[in-house]
Amino acid sequence: MPNVSEEEAIGAVTRRISRRRPEFRQLVRNENSDIVFKDEEATGADRLMTRRLSERLNRLAKLVESEWGKEIQLRVTDAWDEQGEHGPESAHYEGRAADVTLSDLDTTKLGRLGYLAVQAGFDWVYFEDRAHVHVSVRR
């Protein structure tokens, strides 16, 4: 697969979704108990996302369990961003991106997690840094 930018893979970010915008009602809340949501903002924003992203995260959670057992879970550190913590064109603002790691915080497993994310069907997977893997989906 050729290297492509995130925008080429998932499409451009057209607008930031806020709680006041009509598009906000299209976001779904992921309640999967097999996923740990960091929720550092204490607003539940990390559970809010597009249906497509939610479905891919659920698939990835199953692959993580198959790989490492029930004692290690998929961990979402960021999904929908309502506070402007990402770059200006981030898919997090539309609920189409998530930053993921594992509940045991073992960074040596991130390469394998990225591979599993590709298997789960994300449209773009990026080993962003030594702390997490960035995943995103098209509309």
C-alpha atoms as a PDB file:
ATOM      1  CA  MET A   1       0.000   0.000   0.000  1.00  0.00           C
ATOM      2  CA  PRO A   2       1.486   3.360  -0.952  1.00  0.00           C
ATOM      3  CA  ASN A   3       2.037   5.985   1.712  1.00  0.00           C
ATOM      4  CA  VAL A   4      -0.745   8.543   1.644  1.00  0.00           C
ATOM      5  CA  SER A   5      -1.627  11.431   3.889  1.00  0.00           C
ATOM      6  CA  GLU A   6      -4.478  11.141   6.337  1.00  0.00           C
ATOM      7  CA  GLU A   7      -6.509  13.618   4.290  1.00  0.00           C
ATOM      8  CA  GLU A   8      -6.020  11.511   1.140  1.00  0.00           C
ATOM      9  CA  ALA A   9      -7.115   8.382   3.020  1.00  0.00           C
ATOM     10  CA  ILE A  10     -10.136   9.706   4.924  1.00  0.00           C
ATOM     11  CA  GLY A  11     -11.075  13.009   3.279  1.00  0.00           C
ATOM     12  CA  ALA A  12     -10.688  16.574   4.438  1.00  0.00           C
ATOM     13  CA  VAL A  13     -11.949  17.851   7.760  1.00  0.00           C
ATOM     14  CA  THR A  14     -14.656  20.340   6.856  1.00  0.00           C
ATOM     15  CA  ARG A  15     -15.796  21.709  10.221  1.00  0.00           C
ATOM     16  CA  ARG A  16     -15.371  21.273  13.921  1.00  0.00           C
ATOM     17  CA  ILE A  17     -18.338  19.660  15.564  1.00  0.00           C
ATOM     18  CA  SER A  18     -19.422  21.354  18.771  1.00  0.00           C
ATOM     19  CA  ARG A  19     -22.201  20.259  21.107  1.00  0.00           C
ATOM     20  CA  ARG A  20     -24.349  23.072  19.657  1.00  0.00           C
ATOM     21  CA  ARG A  21     -24.041  22.012  16.003  1.00  0.00           C
ATOM     22  CA  PRO A  22     -26.630  19.736  14.355  1.00  0.00           C
ATOM     23  CA  GLU A  23     -23.843  17.282  13.397  1.00  0.00           C
ATOM     24  CA  PHE A  24     -23.280  16.583  17.098  1.00  0.00           C
ATOM     25  CA  ARG A  25     -26.486  14.505  17.161  1.00  0.00           C
ATOM     26  CA  GLN A  26     -24.922  12.151  14.598  1.00  0.00           C
ATOM     27  CA  LEU A  27     -22.096  11.173  16.949  1.00  0.00           C
ATOM     28  CA  VAL A  28     -22.621   7.936  18.852  1.00  0.00           C
ATOM     29  CA  ARG A  29     -21.517   7.058  22.364  1.00  0.00           C
ATOM     30  CA  ASN A  30     -19.321   3.957  22.518  1.00  0.00           C
ATOM     31  CA  GLU A  31     -20.277   1.990  25.634  1.00  0.00           C
ATOM     32  CA  ASN A  32     -18.085  -1.047  24.943  1.00  0.00           C
ATOM     33  CA  SER A  33     -16.954  -2.372  28.337  1.00  0.00           C
ATOM     34  CA  ASP A  34     -13.956  -4.025  26.658  1.00  0.00           C
ATOM     35  CA  ILE A  35     -12.482  -0.594  25.921  1.00  0.00           C
ATOM     36  CA  VAL A  36     -10.921   1.676  28.535  1.00  0.00           C
ATOM     37  CA  PHE A  37     -11.659   5.356  27.868  1.00  0.00           C
ATOM     38  CA  LYS A  38      -9.198   7.772  29.478  1.00  0.00           C
ATOM     39  CA  ASP A  39     -11.702  10.666  29.687  1.00  0.00           C
ATOM     40  CA  GLU A  40      -9.193  13.124  31.122  1.00  0.00           C
ATOM     41  CA  GLU A  41     -11.642  15.965  30.415  1.00  0.00           C
ATOM     42  CA  ALA A  42     -14.350  14.216  32.514  1.00  0.00           C
ATOM     43  CA  THR A  43     -16.945  15.136  29.864  1.00  0.00           C
ATOM     44  CA  GLY A  44     -17.360  11.748  28.167  1.00  0.00           C
ATOM     45  CA  ALA A  45     -16.022  13.250  24.931  1.00  0.00           C
ATOM     46  CA  ASP A  46     -13.650  10.336  24.359  1.00  0.00           C
ATOM     47  CA  ARG A  47     -16.665   8.013  24.033  1.00  0.00           C
ATOM     48  CA  LEU A  48     -18.277  10.213  21.342  1.00  0.00           C
ATOM     49  CA  MET A  49     -17.476   9.473  17.707  1.00  0.00           C
ATOM     50  CA  THR A  50     -18.911   8.611  14.325  1.00  0.00           C
ATOM     51  CA  ARG A  51     -20.623   5.248  13.984  1.00  0.00           C
ATOM     52  CA  ARG A  52     -17.880   4.071  11.611  1.00  0.00           C
ATOM     53  CA  LEU A  53     -15.123   4.880  14.125  1.00  0.00           C
ATOM     54  CA  SER A  54     -17.084   3.184  16.909  1.00  0.00           C
ATOM     55  CA  GLU A  55     -17.513   0.013  14.844  1.00  0.00           C
ATOM     56  CA  ARG A  56     -13.789  -0.131  14.031  1.00  0.00           C
ATOM     57  CA  LEU A  57     -12.830   0.421  17.683  1.00  0.00           C
ATOM     58  CA  ASN A  58     -15.145  -2.419  18.709  1.00  0.00           C
ATOM     59  CA  ARG A  59     -13.474  -4.689  16.145  1.00  0.00           C
ATOM     60  CA  LEU A  60     -10.044  -3.648  17.387  1.00  0.00           C
ATOM     61  CA  ALA A  61     -11.044  -4.386  21.000  1.00  0.00           C
ATOM     62  CA  LYS A  62     -11.903  -7.961  19.976  1.00  0.00           C
ATOM     63  CA  LEU A  63      -8.584  -8.340  18.164  1.00  0.00           C
ATOM     64  CA  VAL A  64      -6.734  -7.023  21.224  1.00  0.00           C
ATOM     65  CA  GLU A  65      -8.488  -9.592  23.406  1.00  0.00           C
ATOM     66  CA  SER A  66      -7.629 -12.371  20.939  1.00  0.00           C
ATOM     67  CA  GLU A  67      -4.000 -11.266  20.933  1.00  0.00           C
ATOM     68  CA  TRP A  68      -3.360 -10.610  24.633  1.00  0.00           C
ATOM     69  CA  GLY A  69      -6.334 -12.049  26.553  1.00  0.00           C
ATOM     70  CA  LYS A  70      -8.894 -10.335  28.756  1.00  0.00           C
ATOM     71  CA  GLU A  71      -6.310  -8.860  31.127  1.00  0.00           C
ATOM     72  CA  ILE A  72      -5.184  -6.312  28.507  1.00  0.00           C
ATOM     73  CA  GLN A  73      -7.754  -3.984  26.963  1.00  0.00           C
ATOM     74  CA  LEU A  74      -7.789  -1.431  24.185  1.00  0.00           C
ATOM     75  CA  ARG A  75      -7.426   2.060  25.673  1.00  0.00           C
ATOM     76  CA  VAL A  76      -8.713   5.207  23.942  1.00  0.00           C
ATOM     77  CA  THR A  77      -6.867   8.300  25.128  1.00  0.00           C
ATOM     78  CA  ASP A  78      -8.623  10.725  22.754  1.00  0.00           C
ATOM     79  CA  ALA A  79     -11.510  10.557  20.293  1.00  0.00           C
ATOM     80  CA  TRP A  80     -13.861  13.495  19.607  1.00  0.00           C
ATOM     81  CA  ASP A  81     -12.071  16.701  20.589  1.00  0.00           C
ATOM     82  CA  GLU A  82     -14.223  19.598  21.735  1.00  0.00           C
ATOM     83  CA  GLN A  83     -11.402  21.519  23.407  1.00  0.00           C
ATOM     84  CA  GLY A  84      -9.115  22.226  20.436  1.00  0.00           C
ATOM     85  CA  GLU A  85      -6.171  20.145  21.643  1.00  0.00           C
ATOM     86  CA  HIS A  86      -5.189  18.841  18.187  1.00  0.00           C
ATOM     87  CA  GLY A  87      -3.877  20.433  15.012  1.00  0.00           C
ATOM     88  CA  PRO A  88      -6.176  22.697  12.983  1.00  0.00           C
ATOM     89  CA  GLU A  89      -7.191  20.008  10.457  1.00  0.00           C
ATOM     90  CA  SER A  90      -7.571  17.098  12.893  1.00  0.00           C
ATOM     91  CA  ALA A  91     -10.235  14.466  12.266  1.00  0.00           C
ATOM     92  CA  HIS A  92     -10.669  14.362  16.061  1.00  0.00           C
ATOM     93  CA  TYR A  93     -12.852  17.485  15.679  1.00  0.00           C
ATOM     94  CA  GLU A  94     -15.336  15.507  13.590  1.00  0.00           C
ATOM     95  CA  GLY A  95     -15.233  12.390  15.790  1.00  0.00           C
ATOM     96  CA  ARG A  96     -13.466  10.452  13.037  1.00  0.00           C
ATOM     97  CA  ALA A  97     -10.132   9.847  14.820  1.00  0.00           C
ATOM     98  CA  ALA A  98      -8.902   8.214  17.998  1.00  0.00           C
ATOM     99  CA  ASP A  99      -5.586   7.843  19.761  1.00  0.00           C
ATOM    100  CA  VAL A 100      -5.205   4.333  21.126  1.00  0.00           C
ATOM    101  CA  THR A 101      -2.864   2.360  23.319  1.00  0.00           C
ATOM    102  CA  LEU A 102      -3.272  -0.609  25.658  1.00  0.00           C
ATOM    103  CA  SER A 103      -4.428  -0.742  29.265  1.00  0.00           C
ATOM    104  CA  ASP A 104      -1.059  -2.074  30.446  1.00  0.00           C
ATOM    105  CA  LEU A 105       0.679   0.972  28.853  1.00  0.00           C
ATOM    106  CA  ASP A 106       3.355  -1.328  27.374  1.00  0.00           C
ATOM    107  CA  THR A 107       4.707   0.752  24.490  1.00  0.00           C
ATOM    108  CA  THR A 108       6.597  -2.245  23.057  1.00  0.00           C
ATOM    109  CA  LYS A 109       3.199  -3.580  21.912  1.00  0.00           C
ATOM    110  CA  LEU A 110       2.231  -0.491  19.895  1.00  0.00           C
ATOM    111  CA  GLY A 111       3.644  -1.827  16.629  1.00  0.00           C
ATOM    112  CA  ARG A 112       1.464  -4.908  16.933  1.00  0.00           C
ATOM    113  CA  LEU A 113      -1.492  -2.732  17.961  1.00  0.00           C
ATOM    114  CA  GLY A 114      -1.023  -0.725  14.761  1.00  0.00           C
ATOM    115  CA  TYR A 115      -1.044  -3.941  12.729  1.00  0.00           C
ATOM    116  CA  LEU A 116      -4.255  -5.051  14.473  1.00  0.00           C
ATOM    117  CA  ALA A 117      -5.790  -1.625  13.735  1.00  0.00           C
ATOM    118  CA  VAL A 118      -5.187  -2.209  10.026  1.00  0.00           C
ATOM    119  CA  GLN A 119      -6.855  -5.625  10.388  1.00  0.00           C
ATOM    120  CA  ALA A 120      -9.817  -3.963  12.154  1.00  0.00           C
ATOM    121  CA  GLY A 121     -10.491  -1.884   9.029  1.00  0.00           C
ATOM    122  CA  PHE A 122      -9.459   1.641   9.952  1.00  0.00           C
ATOM    123  CA  ASP A 123      -8.980   3.784   6.867  1.00  0.00           C
ATOM    124  CA  TRP A 124      -5.740   5.318   8.174  1.00  0.00           C
ATOM    125  CA  VAL A 125      -3.376   4.057  10.874  1.00  0.00           C
ATOM    126  CA  TYR A 126      -0.354   6.026  12.027  1.00  0.00           C
ATOM    127  CA  PHE A 127       2.238   5.120  14.627  1.00  0.00           C
ATOM    128  CA  GLU A 128       2.277   8.719  15.812  1.00  0.00           C
ATOM    129  CA  ASP A 129       4.787   8.497  18.632  1.00  0.00           C
ATOM    130  CA  ARG A 130       6.069   6.155  21.317  1.00  0.00           C
ATOM    131  CA  ALA A 131       2.944   6.792  23.395  1.00  0.00           C
ATOM    132  CA  HIS A 132       0.066   5.854  21.063  1.00  0.00           C
ATOM    133  CA  VAL A 133      -1.253   4.852  17.653  1.00  0.00           C
ATOM    134  CA  HIS A 134      -3.519   7.281  15.772  1.00  0.00           C
ATOM    135  CA  VAL A 135      -6.436   5.740  13.853  1.00  0.00           C
ATOM    136  CA  SER A 136      -9.038   7.422  11.693  1.00  0.00           C
ATOM    137  CA  VAL A 137     -11.918   6.697   9.319  1.00  0.00           C
ATOM    138  CA  ARG A 138     -13.571   8.319   6.345  1.00  0.00           C
ATOM    139  CA  ARG A 139     -17.097   9.702   6.576  1.00  0.00           C
END
